[in-house]
Amino acid sequence: MKEYIKRFSDNPDFKQNGFDGYIAKIDNENISITLEDVHKGHDKYCTNTKITHIYYVISGKGKFKIDGNIYDVKQNDIIEIPKNTKFIFAGKMKLLLIMNPKFDKTTEIVGEDNDLY
């Protein structure tokens, strides 16, 4: 029987200095979905050459710096970051991240340290 209901695990699939990440195990090969429990923020700037990032702020608040502009974000905001756009975030928030196409580390360019702290 096909499993239609998916759940994030209780333990993080990955940890960075500023947040813990939980990866949804979905069947769709075109997207990836991650829950990010942010307690500080992303360590380094990120630019992805192929992936659009769509963040939904489940709870909390913070800041995103996208293409040099700073945006305050709060619960229920949606942040769409197109491919080839440099960004970083900081704050205390729970984020749902949908990536299209599916995450591929080889298309990610990691930049300088987070300057929003």
PDB file of N, CA and C in Angstrom:
ATOM      1  N   MET A   1       0.839  -1.182   0.000  1.00  0.00           N
ATOM      2  CA  MET A   1       0.000   0.000   0.000  1.00  0.00           C
ATOM      3  C   MET A   1       0.888   1.250   0.000  1.00  0.00           C
ATOM      4  N   LYS A   2       0.545   2.212  -0.823  1.00  0.00           N
ATOM      5  CA  LYS A   2       1.297   3.461  -0.921  1.00  0.00           C
ATOM      6  C   LYS A   2       1.103   4.294   0.339  1.00  0.00           C
ATOM      7  N   GLU A   3       2.170   4.910   0.779  1.00  0.00           N
ATOM      8  CA  GLU A   3       2.128   5.764   1.967  1.00  0.00           C
ATOM      9  C   GLU A   3       1.891   7.205   1.530  1.00  0.00           C
ATOM     10  N   TYR A   4       0.724   7.743   1.849  1.00  0.00           N
ATOM     11  CA  TYR A   4       0.358   9.098   1.438  1.00  0.00           C
ATOM     12  C   TYR A   4       0.649  10.145   2.500  1.00  0.00           C
ATOM     13  N   ILE A   5       0.701   9.748   3.743  1.00  0.00           N
ATOM     14  CA  ILE A   5       0.944  10.683   4.842  1.00  0.00           C
ATOM     15  C   ILE A   5       2.417  10.596   5.226  1.00  0.00           C
ATOM     16  N   LYS A   6       3.076  11.734   5.201  1.00  0.00           N
ATOM     17  CA  LYS A   6       4.505  11.806   5.541  1.00  0.00           C
ATOM     18  C   LYS A   6       4.671  12.621   6.815  1.00  0.00           C
ATOM     19  N   ARG A   7       5.699  12.306   7.571  1.00  0.00           N
ATOM     20  CA  ARG A   7       5.996  13.046   8.798  1.00  0.00           C
ATOM     21  C   ARG A   7       7.499  13.298   8.886  1.00  0.00           C
ATOM     22  N   PHE A   8       7.835  14.444   9.462  1.00  0.00           N
ATOM     23  CA  PHE A   8       9.236  14.716   9.744  1.00  0.00           C
ATOM     24  C   PHE A   8       9.656  13.848  10.926  1.00  0.00           C
ATOM     25  N   SER A   9      10.905  13.459  10.965  1.00  0.00           N
ATOM     26  CA  SER A   9      11.396  12.666  12.093  1.00  0.00           C
ATOM     27  C   SER A   9      11.498  13.546  13.339  1.00  0.00           C
ATOM     28  N   ASP A  10      11.609  12.909  14.484  1.00  0.00           N
ATOM     29  CA  ASP A  10      11.764  13.638  15.740  1.00  0.00           C
ATOM     30  C   ASP A  10      13.185  14.173  15.922  1.00  0.00           C
ATOM     31  N   ASN A  11      14.139  13.571  15.224  1.00  0.00           N
ATOM     32  CA  ASN A  11      15.545  13.968  15.323  1.00  0.00           C
ATOM     33  C   ASN A  11      15.989  14.639  14.032  1.00  0.00           C
ATOM     34  N   PRO A  12      16.811  15.685  14.128  1.00  0.00           N
ATOM     35  CA  PRO A  12      17.262  16.387  12.919  1.00  0.00           C
ATOM     36  C   PRO A  12      18.010  15.463  11.952  1.00  0.00           C
ATOM     37  N   ASP A  13      17.787  15.689  10.663  1.00  0.00           N
ATOM     38  CA  ASP A  13      18.533  14.983   9.623  1.00  0.00           C
ATOM     39  C   ASP A  13      19.892  15.633   9.404  1.00  0.00           C
ATOM     40  N   PHE A  14      19.981  16.928   9.736  1.00  0.00           N
ATOM     41  CA  PHE A  14      21.268  17.630   9.674  1.00  0.00           C
ATOM     42  C   PHE A  14      21.236  18.797  10.648  1.00  0.00           C
ATOM     43  N   LYS A  15      22.436  19.206  11.066  1.00  0.00           N
ATOM     44  CA  LYS A  15      22.578  20.344  11.991  1.00  0.00           C
ATOM     45  C   LYS A  15      23.633  21.293  11.423  1.00  0.00           C
ATOM     46  N   GLN A  16      23.332  22.572  11.522  1.00  0.00           N
ATOM     47  CA  GLN A  16      24.322  23.596  11.241  1.00  0.00           C
ATOM     48  C   GLN A  16      24.454  24.414  12.513  1.00  0.00           C
ATOM     49  N   ASN A  17      25.400  25.316  12.557  1.00  0.00           N
ATOM     50  CA  ASN A  17      25.598  26.101  13.778  1.00  0.00           C
ATOM     51  C   ASN A  17      24.364  26.898  14.169  1.00  0.00           C
ATOM     52  N   GLY A  18      23.574  27.346  13.187  1.00  0.00           N
ATOM     53  CA  GLY A  18      22.451  28.222  13.485  1.00  0.00           C
ATOM     54  C   GLY A  18      21.074  27.618  13.372  1.00  0.00           C
ATOM     55  N   PHE A  19      20.959  26.360  12.914  1.00  0.00           N
ATOM     56  CA  PHE A  19      19.646  25.732  12.815  1.00  0.00           C
ATOM     57  C   PHE A  19      19.757  24.229  12.639  1.00  0.00           C
ATOM     58  N   ASP A  20      18.641  23.561  12.952  1.00  0.00           N
ATOM     59  CA  ASP A  20      18.517  22.123  12.732  1.00  0.00           C
ATOM     60  C   ASP A  20      17.562  21.902  11.574  1.00  0.00           C
ATOM     61  N   GLY A  21      17.843  20.875  10.741  1.00  0.00           N
ATOM     62  CA  GLY A  21      17.013  20.606   9.577  1.00  0.00           C
ATOM     63  C   GLY A  21      16.417  19.216   9.591  1.00  0.00           C
ATOM     64  N   TYR A  22      15.172  19.136   9.178  1.00  0.00           N
ATOM     65  CA  TYR A  22      14.426  17.878   9.100  1.00  0.00           C
ATOM     66  C   TYR A  22      13.943  17.717   7.665  1.00  0.00           C
ATOM     67  N   ILE A  23      14.340  16.651   6.999  1.00  0.00           N
ATOM     68  CA  ILE A  23      14.036  16.443   5.590  1.00  0.00           C
ATOM     69  C   ILE A  23      12.814  15.537   5.447  1.00  0.00           C
ATOM     70  N   ALA A  24      11.836  15.976   4.658  1.00  0.00           N
ATOM     71  CA  ALA A  24      10.655  15.150   4.384  1.00  0.00           C
ATOM     72  C   ALA A  24      11.038  14.082   3.369  1.00  0.00           C
ATOM     73  N   LYS A  25      10.674  12.870   3.649  1.00  0.00           N
ATOM     74  CA  LYS A  25      10.944  11.749   2.743  1.00  0.00           C
ATOM     75  C   LYS A  25       9.743  11.608   1.810  1.00  0.00           C
ATOM     76  N   ILE A  26       9.763  12.353   0.701  1.00  0.00           N
ATOM     77  CA  ILE A  26       8.647  12.340  -0.233  1.00  0.00           C
ATOM     78  C   ILE A  26       9.045  11.628  -1.520  1.00  0.00           C
ATOM     79  N   ASP A  27       8.047  11.214  -2.278  1.00  0.00           N
ATOM     80  CA  ASP A  27       8.281  10.475  -3.511  1.00  0.00           C
ATOM     81  C   ASP A  27       8.513  11.379  -4.721  1.00  0.00           C
ATOM     82  N   ASN A  28       8.088  12.614  -4.653  1.00  0.00           N
ATOM     83  CA  ASN A  28       8.201  13.533  -5.779  1.00  0.00           C
ATOM     84  C   ASN A  28       9.675  13.865  -6.033  1.00  0.00           C
ATOM     85  N   GLU A  29      10.153  13.582  -7.214  1.00  0.00           N
ATOM     86  CA  GLU A  29      11.562  13.818  -7.570  1.00  0.00           C
ATOM     87  C   GLU A  29      11.832  15.257  -8.003  1.00  0.00           C
ATOM     88  N   ASN A  30      10.788  16.081  -8.133  1.00  0.00           N
ATOM     89  CA  ASN A  30      10.951  17.443  -8.632  1.00  0.00           C
ATOM     90  C   ASN A  30      11.155  18.487  -7.549  1.00  0.00           C
ATOM     91  N   ILE A  31      10.784  18.146  -6.307  1.00  0.00           N
ATOM     92  CA  ILE A  31      10.912  19.108  -5.210  1.00  0.00           C
ATOM     93  C   ILE A  31      11.505  18.427  -3.985  1.00  0.00           C
ATOM     94  N   SER A  32      11.989  19.242  -3.062  1.00  0.00           N
ATOM     95  CA  SER A  32      12.361  18.741  -1.740  1.00  0.00           C
ATOM     96  C   SER A  32      11.738  19.661  -0.708  1.00  0.00           C
ATOM     97  N   ILE A  33      11.416  19.087   0.447  1.00  0.00           N
ATOM     98  CA  ILE A  33      10.767  19.827   1.524  1.00  0.00           C
ATOM     99  C   ILE A  33      11.568  19.611   2.807  1.00  0.00           C
ATOM    100  N   THR A  34      11.880  20.709   3.477  1.00  0.00           N
ATOM    101  CA  THR A  34      12.663  20.666   4.704  1.00  0.00           C
ATOM    102  C   THR A  34      12.007  21.557   5.753  1.00  0.00           C
ATOM    103  N   LEU A  35      12.015  21.106   6.987  1.00  0.00           N
ATOM    104  CA  LEU A  35      11.606  21.917   8.123  1.00  0.00           C
ATOM    105  C   LEU A  35      12.887  22.400   8.788  1.00  0.00           C
ATOM    106  N   GLU A  36      13.003  23.704   9.004  1.00  0.00           N
ATOM    107  CA  GLU A  36      14.208  24.258   9.614  1.00  0.00           C
ATOM    108  C   GLU A  36      13.833  24.934  10.925  1.00  0.00           C
ATOM    109  N   ASP A  37      14.442  24.464  12.006  1.00  0.00           N
ATOM    110  CA  ASP A  37      14.246  25.037  13.330  1.00  0.00           C
ATOM    111  C   ASP A  37      15.423  25.979  13.580  1.00  0.00           C
ATOM    112  N   VAL A  38      15.197  27.257  13.328  1.00  0.00           N
ATOM    113  CA  VAL A  38      16.272  28.263  13.343  1.00  0.00           C
ATOM    114  C   VAL A  38      16.407  28.859  14.738  1.00  0.00           C
ATOM    115  N   HIS A  39      17.600  28.735  15.310  1.00  0.00           N
ATOM    116  CA  HIS A  39      17.862  29.356  16.604  1.00  0.00           C
ATOM    117  C   HIS A  39      18.856  30.495  16.495  1.00  0.00           C
ATOM    118  N   LYS A  40      19.505  30.641  15.352  1.00  0.00           N
ATOM    119  CA  LYS A  40      20.418  31.764  15.105  1.00  0.00           C
ATOM    120  C   LYS A  40      20.312  32.209  13.644  1.00  0.00           C
ATOM    121  N   GLY A  41      20.544  31.283  12.725  1.00  0.00           N
ATOM    122  CA  GLY A  41      20.453  31.619  11.304  1.00  0.00           C
ATOM    123  C   GLY A  41      21.375  30.766  10.467  1.00  0.00           C
ATOM    124  N   HIS A  42      21.412  31.064   9.208  1.00  0.00           N
ATOM    125  CA  HIS A  42      22.280  30.379   8.249  1.00  0.00           C
ATOM    126  C   HIS A  42      23.692  30.919   8.450  1.00  0.00           C
ATOM    127  N   ASP A  43      24.701  30.057   8.469  1.00  0.00           N
ATOM    128  CA  ASP A  43      26.085  30.483   8.719  1.00  0.00           C
ATOM    129  C   ASP A  43      26.666  31.365   7.607  1.00  0.00           C
ATOM    130  N   LYS A  44      26.411  30.956   6.373  1.00  0.00           N
ATOM    131  CA  LYS A  44      27.041  31.589   5.213  1.00  0.00           C
ATOM    132  C   LYS A  44      25.992  31.976   4.177  1.00  0.00           C
ATOM    133  N   TYR A  45      26.311  32.982   3.397  1.00  0.00           N
ATOM    134  CA  TYR A  45      25.451  33.337   2.269  1.00  0.00           C
ATOM    135  C   TYR A  45      25.345  32.158   1.318  1.00  0.00           C
ATOM    136  N   CYS A  46      24.219  32.069   0.640  1.00  0.00           N
ATOM    137  CA  CYS A  46      23.965  30.976  -0.290  1.00  0.00           C
ATOM    138  C   CYS A  46      23.427  31.551  -1.598  1.00  0.00           C
ATOM    139  N   THR A  47      23.885  31.001  -2.690  1.00  0.00           N
ATOM    140  CA  THR A  47      23.324  31.257  -4.016  1.00  0.00           C
ATOM    141  C   THR A  47      23.194  29.902  -4.669  1.00  0.00           C
ATOM    142  N   ASN A  48      22.046  29.624  -5.265  1.00  0.00           N
ATOM    143  CA  ASN A  48      21.887  28.348  -5.948  1.00  0.00           C
ATOM    144  C   ASN A  48      21.636  28.608  -7.417  1.00  0.00           C
ATOM    145  N   THR A  49      22.389  27.935  -8.270  1.00  0.00           N
ATOM    146  CA  THR A  49      22.336  28.196  -9.704  1.00  0.00           C
ATOM    147  C   THR A  49      21.136  27.546 -10.402  1.00  0.00           C
ATOM    148  N   LYS A  50      20.435  26.658  -9.737  1.00  0.00           N
ATOM    149  CA  LYS A  50      19.316  25.954 -10.395  1.00  0.00           C
ATOM    150  C   LYS A  50      18.032  25.904  -9.583  1.00  0.00           C
ATOM    151  N   ILE A  51      18.090  26.199  -8.290  1.00  0.00           N
ATOM    152  CA  ILE A  51      16.950  25.951  -7.409  1.00  0.00           C
ATOM    153  C   ILE A  51      16.289  27.248  -6.943  1.00  0.00           C
ATOM    154  N   THR A  52      14.942  27.271  -6.989  1.00  0.00           N
ATOM    155  CA  THR A  52      14.162  28.317  -6.344  1.00  0.00           C
ATOM    156  C   THR A  52      13.847  27.844  -4.929  1.00  0.00           C
ATOM    157  N   HIS A  53      14.087  28.710  -3.947  1.00  0.00           N
ATOM    158  CA  HIS A  53      13.786  28.418  -2.543  1.00  0.00           C
ATOM    159  C   HIS A  53      12.493  29.145  -2.182  1.00  0.00           C
ATOM    160  N   ILE A  54      11.544  28.425  -1.606  1.00  0.00           N
ATOM    161  CA  ILE A  54      10.315  29.041  -1.107  1.00  0.00           C
ATOM    162  C   ILE A  54      10.208  28.704   0.379  1.00  0.00           C
ATOM    163  N   TYR A  55      10.346  29.740   1.201  1.00  0.00           N
ATOM    164  CA  TYR A  55      10.266  29.589   2.649  1.00  0.00           C
ATOM    165  C   TYR A  55       8.897  30.048   3.136  1.00  0.00           C
ATOM    166  N   TYR A  56       8.345  29.330   4.105  1.00  0.00           N
ATOM    167  CA  TYR A  56       7.131  29.739   4.797  1.00  0.00           C
ATOM    168  C   TYR A  56       7.474  29.826   6.281  1.00  0.00           C
ATOM    169  N   VAL A  57       7.193  30.982   6.901  1.00  0.00           N
ATOM    170  CA  VAL A  57       7.497  31.176   8.315  1.00  0.00           C
ATOM    171  C   VAL A  57       6.337  30.604   9.137  1.00  0.00           C
ATOM    172  N   ILE A  58       6.575  29.457   9.749  1.00  0.00           N
ATOM    173  CA  ILE A  58       5.561  28.796  10.566  1.00  0.00           C
ATOM    174  C   ILE A  58       5.367  29.544  11.878  1.00  0.00           C
ATOM    175  N   SER A  59       6.485  29.941  12.497  1.00  0.00           N
ATOM    176  CA  SER A  59       6.421  30.687  13.750  1.00  0.00           C
ATOM    177  C   SER A  59       7.710  31.480  13.928  1.00  0.00           C
ATOM    178  N   GLY A  60       7.639  32.453  14.831  1.00  0.00           N
ATOM    179  CA  GLY A  60       8.813  33.267  15.126  1.00  0.00           C
ATOM    180  C   GLY A  60       8.969  34.447  14.192  1.00  0.00           C
ATOM    181  N   LYS A  61      10.165  35.029  14.242  1.00  0.00           N
ATOM    182  CA  LYS A  61      10.458  36.165  13.368  1.00  0.00           C
ATOM    183  C   LYS A  61      11.960  36.240  13.136  1.00  0.00           C
ATOM    184  N   GLY A  62      12.329  36.968  12.097  1.00  0.00           N
ATOM    185  CA  GLY A  62      13.730  37.105  11.763  1.00  0.00           C
ATOM    186  C   GLY A  62      13.928  38.072  10.618  1.00  0.00           C
ATOM    187  N   LYS A  63      15.092  37.941   9.999  1.00  0.00           N
ATOM    188  CA  LYS A  63      15.448  38.793   8.864  1.00  0.00           C
ATOM    189  C   LYS A  63      16.019  37.920   7.748  1.00  0.00           C
ATOM    190  N   PHE A  64      15.694  38.272   6.524  1.00  0.00           N
ATOM    191  CA  PHE A  64      16.311  37.703   5.339  1.00  0.00           C
ATOM    192  C   PHE A  64      17.024  38.842   4.629  1.00  0.00           C
ATOM    193  N   LYS A  65      18.221  38.575   4.168  1.00  0.00           N
ATOM    194  CA  LYS A  65      18.922  39.527   3.306  1.00  0.00           C
ATOM    195  C   LYS A  65      18.987  38.855   1.944  1.00  0.00           C
ATOM    196  N   ILE A  66      18.279  39.442   0.982  1.00  0.00           N
ATOM    197  CA  ILE A  66      18.150  38.860  -0.350  1.00  0.00           C
ATOM    198  C   ILE A  66      18.632  39.877  -1.367  1.00  0.00           C
ATOM    199  N   ASP A  67      19.638  39.489  -2.138  1.00  0.00           N
ATOM    200  CA  ASP A  67      20.162  40.363  -3.188  1.00  0.00           C
ATOM    201  C   ASP A  67      20.516  41.745  -2.637  1.00  0.00           C
ATOM    202  N   GLY A  68      21.052  41.771  -1.384  1.00  0.00           N
ATOM    203  CA  GLY A  68      21.512  43.020  -0.775  1.00  0.00           C
ATOM    204  C   GLY A  68      20.463  43.787   0.007  1.00  0.00           C
ATOM    205  N   ASN A  69      19.195  43.382  -0.062  1.00  0.00           N
ATOM    206  CA  ASN A  69      18.119  44.075   0.654  1.00  0.00           C
ATOM    207  C   ASN A  69      17.694  43.263   1.872  1.00  0.00           C
ATOM    208  N   ILE A  70      17.431  43.959   2.998  1.00  0.00           N
ATOM    209  CA  ILE A  70      17.038  43.295   4.235  1.00  0.00           C
ATOM    210  C   ILE A  70      15.523  43.369   4.398  1.00  0.00           C
ATOM    211  N   TYR A  71      14.930  42.209   4.723  1.00  0.00           N
ATOM    212  CA  TYR A  71      13.486  42.097   4.915  1.00  0.00           C
ATOM    213  C   TYR A  71      13.204  41.496   6.284  1.00  0.00           C
ATOM    214  N   ASP A  72      12.318  42.151   7.050  1.00  0.00           N
ATOM    215  CA  ASP A  72      11.832  41.587   8.302  1.00  0.00           C
ATOM    216  C   ASP A  72      10.742  40.575   7.950  1.00  0.00           C
ATOM    217  N   VAL A  73      10.810  39.397   8.572  1.00  0.00           N
ATOM    218  CA  VAL A  73       9.802  38.365   8.317  1.00  0.00           C
ATOM    219  C   VAL A  73       9.204  37.895   9.631  1.00  0.00           C
ATOM    220  N   LYS A  74       7.959  37.436   9.550  1.00  0.00           N
ATOM    221  CA  LYS A  74       7.245  36.960  10.733  1.00  0.00           C
ATOM    222  C   LYS A  74       6.316  35.826  10.324  1.00  0.00           C
ATOM    223  N   GLN A  75       5.637  35.252  11.312  1.00  0.00           N
ATOM    224  CA  GLN A  75       4.736  34.139  11.094  1.00  0.00           C
ATOM    225  C   GLN A  75       3.792  34.404   9.912  1.00  0.00           C
ATOM    226  N   ASN A  76       3.620  33.387   9.078  1.00  0.00           N
ATOM    227  CA  ASN A  76       2.747  33.367   7.895  1.00  0.00           C
ATOM    228  C   ASN A  76       3.308  34.080   6.674  1.00  0.00           C
ATOM    229  N   ASP A  77       4.526  34.623   6.743  1.00  0.00           N
ATOM    230  CA  ASP A  77       5.146  35.209   5.551  1.00  0.00           C
ATOM    231  C   ASP A  77       5.678  34.097   4.649  1.00  0.00           C
ATOM    232  N   ILE A  78       5.659  34.367   3.359  1.00  0.00           N
ATOM    233  CA  ILE A  78       6.240  33.474   2.352  1.00  0.00           C
ATOM    234  C   ILE A  78       7.363  34.245   1.668  1.00  0.00           C
ATOM    235  N   ILE A  79       8.512  33.623   1.573  1.00  0.00           N
ATOM    236  CA  ILE A  79       9.685  34.251   0.961  1.00  0.00           C
ATOM    237  C   ILE A  79      10.081  33.410  -0.236  1.00  0.00           C
ATOM    238  N   GLU A  80      10.067  34.002  -1.420  1.00  0.00           N
ATOM    239  CA  GLU A  80      10.443  33.289  -2.646  1.00  0.00           C
ATOM    240  C   GLU A  80      11.784  33.822  -3.140  1.00  0.00           C
ATOM    241  N   ILE A  81      12.767  32.930  -3.241  1.00  0.00           N
ATOM    242  CA  ILE A  81      14.105  33.321  -3.654  1.00  0.00           C
ATOM    243  C   ILE A  81      14.436  32.570  -4.945  1.00  0.00           C
ATOM    244  N   PRO A  82      14.454  33.291  -6.073  1.00  0.00           N
ATOM    245  CA  PRO A  82      14.728  32.633  -7.353  1.00  0.00           C
ATOM    246  C   PRO A  82      16.167  32.133  -7.455  1.00  0.00           C
ATOM    247  N   LYS A  83      16.399  31.227  -8.375  1.00  0.00           N
ATOM    248  CA  LYS A  83      17.759  30.743  -8.627  1.00  0.00           C
ATOM    249  C   LYS A  83      18.660  31.925  -8.940  1.00  0.00           C
ATOM    250  N   ASN A  84      19.948  31.754  -8.703  1.00  0.00           N
ATOM    251  CA  ASN A  84      20.974  32.778  -8.954  1.00  0.00           C
ATOM    252  C   ASN A  84      20.788  34.044  -8.112  1.00  0.00           C
ATOM    253  N   THR A  85      20.156  33.913  -6.935  1.00  0.00           N
ATOM    254  CA  THR A  85      19.944  35.050  -6.042  1.00  0.00           C
ATOM    255  C   THR A  85      20.637  34.771  -4.712  1.00  0.00           C
ATOM    256  N   LYS A  86      21.513  35.683  -4.312  1.00  0.00           N
ATOM    257  CA  LYS A  86      22.287  35.533  -3.072  1.00  0.00           C
ATOM    258  C   LYS A  86      21.409  35.892  -1.871  1.00  0.00           C
ATOM    259  N   PHE A  87      21.441  35.032  -0.825  1.00  0.00           N
ATOM    260  CA  PHE A  87      20.618  35.308   0.352  1.00  0.00           C
ATOM    261  C   PHE A  87      21.228  34.728   1.624  1.00  0.00           C
ATOM    262  N   ILE A  88      20.685  35.211   2.740  1.00  0.00           N
ATOM    263  CA  ILE A  88      21.048  34.752   4.080  1.00  0.00           C
ATOM    264  C   ILE A  88      19.858  35.047   4.984  1.00  0.00           C
ATOM    265  N   PHE A  89      19.753  34.361   6.126  1.00  0.00           N
ATOM    266  CA  PHE A  89      18.702  34.691   7.089  1.00  0.00           C
ATOM    267  C   PHE A  89      19.225  34.551   8.504  1.00  0.00           C
ATOM    268  N   ALA A  90      18.519  35.208   9.443  1.00  0.00           N
ATOM    269  CA  ALA A  90      18.863  35.138  10.863  1.00  0.00           C
ATOM    270  C   ALA A  90      17.593  35.362  11.672  1.00  0.00           C
ATOM    271  N   GLY A  91      17.585  34.819  12.887  1.00  0.00           N
ATOM    272  CA  GLY A  91      16.451  35.018  13.773  1.00  0.00           C
ATOM    273  C   GLY A  91      16.152  33.769  14.569  1.00  0.00           C
ATOM    274  N   LYS A  92      14.979  33.755  15.176  1.00  0.00           N
ATOM    275  CA  LYS A  92      14.462  32.584  15.887  1.00  0.00           C
ATOM    276  C   LYS A  92      13.111  32.296  15.264  1.00  0.00           C
ATOM    277  N   MET A  93      13.081  31.257  14.434  1.00  0.00           N
ATOM    278  CA  MET A  93      11.858  30.961  13.707  1.00  0.00           C
ATOM    279  C   MET A  93      11.846  29.512  13.255  1.00  0.00           C
ATOM    280  N   LYS A  94      10.677  29.035  12.942  1.00  0.00           N
ATOM    281  CA  LYS A  94      10.507  27.714  12.361  1.00  0.00           C
ATOM    282  C   LYS A  94      10.079  27.949  10.910  1.00  0.00           C
ATOM    283  N   LEU A  95      10.862  27.401   9.973  1.00  0.00           N
ATOM    284  CA  LEU A  95      10.635  27.623   8.550  1.00  0.00           C
ATOM    285  C   LEU A  95      10.330  26.311   7.835  1.00  0.00           C
ATOM    286  N   LEU A  96       9.390  26.362   6.920  1.00  0.00           N
ATOM    287  CA  LEU A  96       9.169  25.263   5.993  1.00  0.00           C
ATOM    288  C   LEU A  96       9.804  25.698   4.680  1.00  0.00           C
ATOM    289  N   LEU A  97      10.674  24.873   4.128  1.00  0.00           N
ATOM    290  CA  LEU A  97      11.378  25.201   2.893  1.00  0.00           C
ATOM    291  C   LEU A  97      10.990  24.202   1.811  1.00  0.00           C
ATOM    292  N   ILE A  98      10.528  24.729   0.682  1.00  0.00           N
ATOM    293  CA  ILE A  98      10.254  23.915  -0.499  1.00  0.00           C
ATOM    294  C   ILE A  98      11.242  24.359  -1.574  1.00  0.00           C
ATOM    295  N   MET A  99      11.967  23.406  -2.131  1.00  0.00           N
ATOM    296  CA  MET A  99      12.949  23.708  -3.177  1.00  0.00           C
ATOM    297  C   MET A  99      12.523  23.053  -4.484  1.00  0.00           C
ATOM    298  N   ASN A 100      12.586  23.839  -5.548  1.00  0.00           N
ATOM    299  CA  ASN A 100      12.238  23.356  -6.876  1.00  0.00           C
ATOM    300  C   ASN A 100      13.288  23.847  -7.866  1.00  0.00           C
ATOM    301  N   PRO A 101      13.989  22.943  -8.546  1.00  0.00           N
ATOM    302  CA  PRO A 101      13.920  21.496  -8.418  1.00  0.00           C
ATOM    303  C   PRO A 101      14.503  21.029  -7.081  1.00  0.00           C
ATOM    304  N   LYS A 102      14.493  19.730  -6.895  1.00  0.00           N
ATOM    305  CA  LYS A 102      14.971  19.091  -5.665  1.00  0.00           C
ATOM    306  C   LYS A 102      16.393  19.540  -5.320  1.00  0.00           C
ATOM    307  N   PHE A 103      16.700  19.630  -4.024  1.00  0.00           N
ATOM    308  CA  PHE A 103      18.015  20.078  -3.568  1.00  0.00           C
ATOM    309  C   PHE A 103      19.137  19.254  -4.190  1.00  0.00           C
ATOM    310  N   ASP A 104      20.154  19.962  -4.631  1.00  0.00           N
ATOM    311  CA  ASP A 104      21.354  19.357  -5.209  1.00  0.00           C
ATOM    312  C   ASP A 104      22.542  20.196  -4.754  1.00  0.00           C
ATOM    313  N   LYS A 105      23.346  19.643  -3.871  1.00  0.00           N
ATOM    314  CA  LYS A 105      24.489  20.363  -3.271  1.00  0.00           C
ATOM    315  C   LYS A 105      25.442  20.914  -4.343  1.00  0.00           C
ATOM    316  N   THR A 106      25.547  20.239  -5.485  1.00  0.00           N
ATOM    317  CA  THR A 106      26.498  20.667  -6.523  1.00  0.00           C
ATOM    318  C   THR A 106      26.095  21.979  -7.192  1.00  0.00           C
ATOM    319  N   THR A 107      24.843  22.435  -6.988  1.00  0.00           N
ATOM    320  CA  THR A 107      24.402  23.688  -7.605  1.00  0.00           C
ATOM    321  C   THR A 107      24.432  24.856  -6.618  1.00  0.00           C
ATOM    322  N   GLU A 108      24.954  24.604  -5.427  1.00  0.00           N
ATOM    323  CA  GLU A 108      24.979  25.611  -4.368  1.00  0.00           C
ATOM    324  C   GLU A 108      26.338  26.301  -4.299  1.00  0.00           C
ATOM    325  N   ILE A 109      26.306  27.622  -4.232  1.00  0.00           N
ATOM    326  CA  ILE A 109      27.523  28.417  -4.047  1.00  0.00           C
ATOM    327  C   ILE A 109      27.468  29.012  -2.650  1.00  0.00           C
ATOM    328  N   VAL A 110      28.426  28.652  -1.809  1.00  0.00           N
ATOM    329  CA  VAL A 110      28.489  29.154  -0.434  1.00  0.00           C
ATOM    330  C   VAL A 110      29.398  30.370  -0.409  1.00  0.00           C
ATOM    331  N   GLY A 111      28.914  31.441   0.213  1.00  0.00           N
ATOM    332  CA  GLY A 111      29.652  32.696   0.231  1.00  0.00           C
ATOM    333  C   GLY A 111      30.198  33.049   1.594  1.00  0.00           C
ATOM    334  N   GLU A 112      30.255  34.335   1.843  1.00  0.00           N
ATOM    335  CA  GLU A 112      30.845  34.874   3.063  1.00  0.00           C
ATOM    336  C   GLU A 112      29.945  34.651   4.285  1.00  0.00           C
ATOM    337  N   ASP A 113      30.501  34.940   5.452  1.00  0.00           N
ATOM    338  CA  ASP A 113      29.787  34.754   6.716  1.00  0.00           C
ATOM    339  C   ASP A 113      28.549  35.636   6.816  1.00  0.00           C
ATOM    340  N   ASN A 114      27.593  35.173   7.609  1.00  0.00           N
ATOM    341  CA  ASN A 114      26.356  35.902   7.858  1.00  0.00           C
ATOM    342  C   ASN A 114      26.662  37.232   8.555  1.00  0.00           C
ATOM    343  N   ASP A 115      26.214  38.338   7.973  1.00  0.00           N
ATOM    344  CA  ASP A 115      26.432  39.651   8.575  1.00  0.00           C
ATOM    345  C   ASP A 115      25.152  40.207   9.223  1.00  0.00           C
ATOM    346  N   LEU A 116      24.154  39.355   9.410  1.00  0.00           N
ATOM    347  CA  LEU A 116      22.915  39.787  10.067  1.00  0.00           C
ATOM    348  C   LEU A 116      22.931  39.529  11.578  1.00  0.00           C
ATOM    349  N   TYR A 117      23.931  38.795  12.080  1.00  0.00           N
ATOM    350  CA  TYR A 117      23.981  38.500  13.509  1.00  0.00           C
ATOM    351  C   TYR A 117      24.328  39.747  14.280  1.00  0.00           C
TER     352      TYR A 117
END
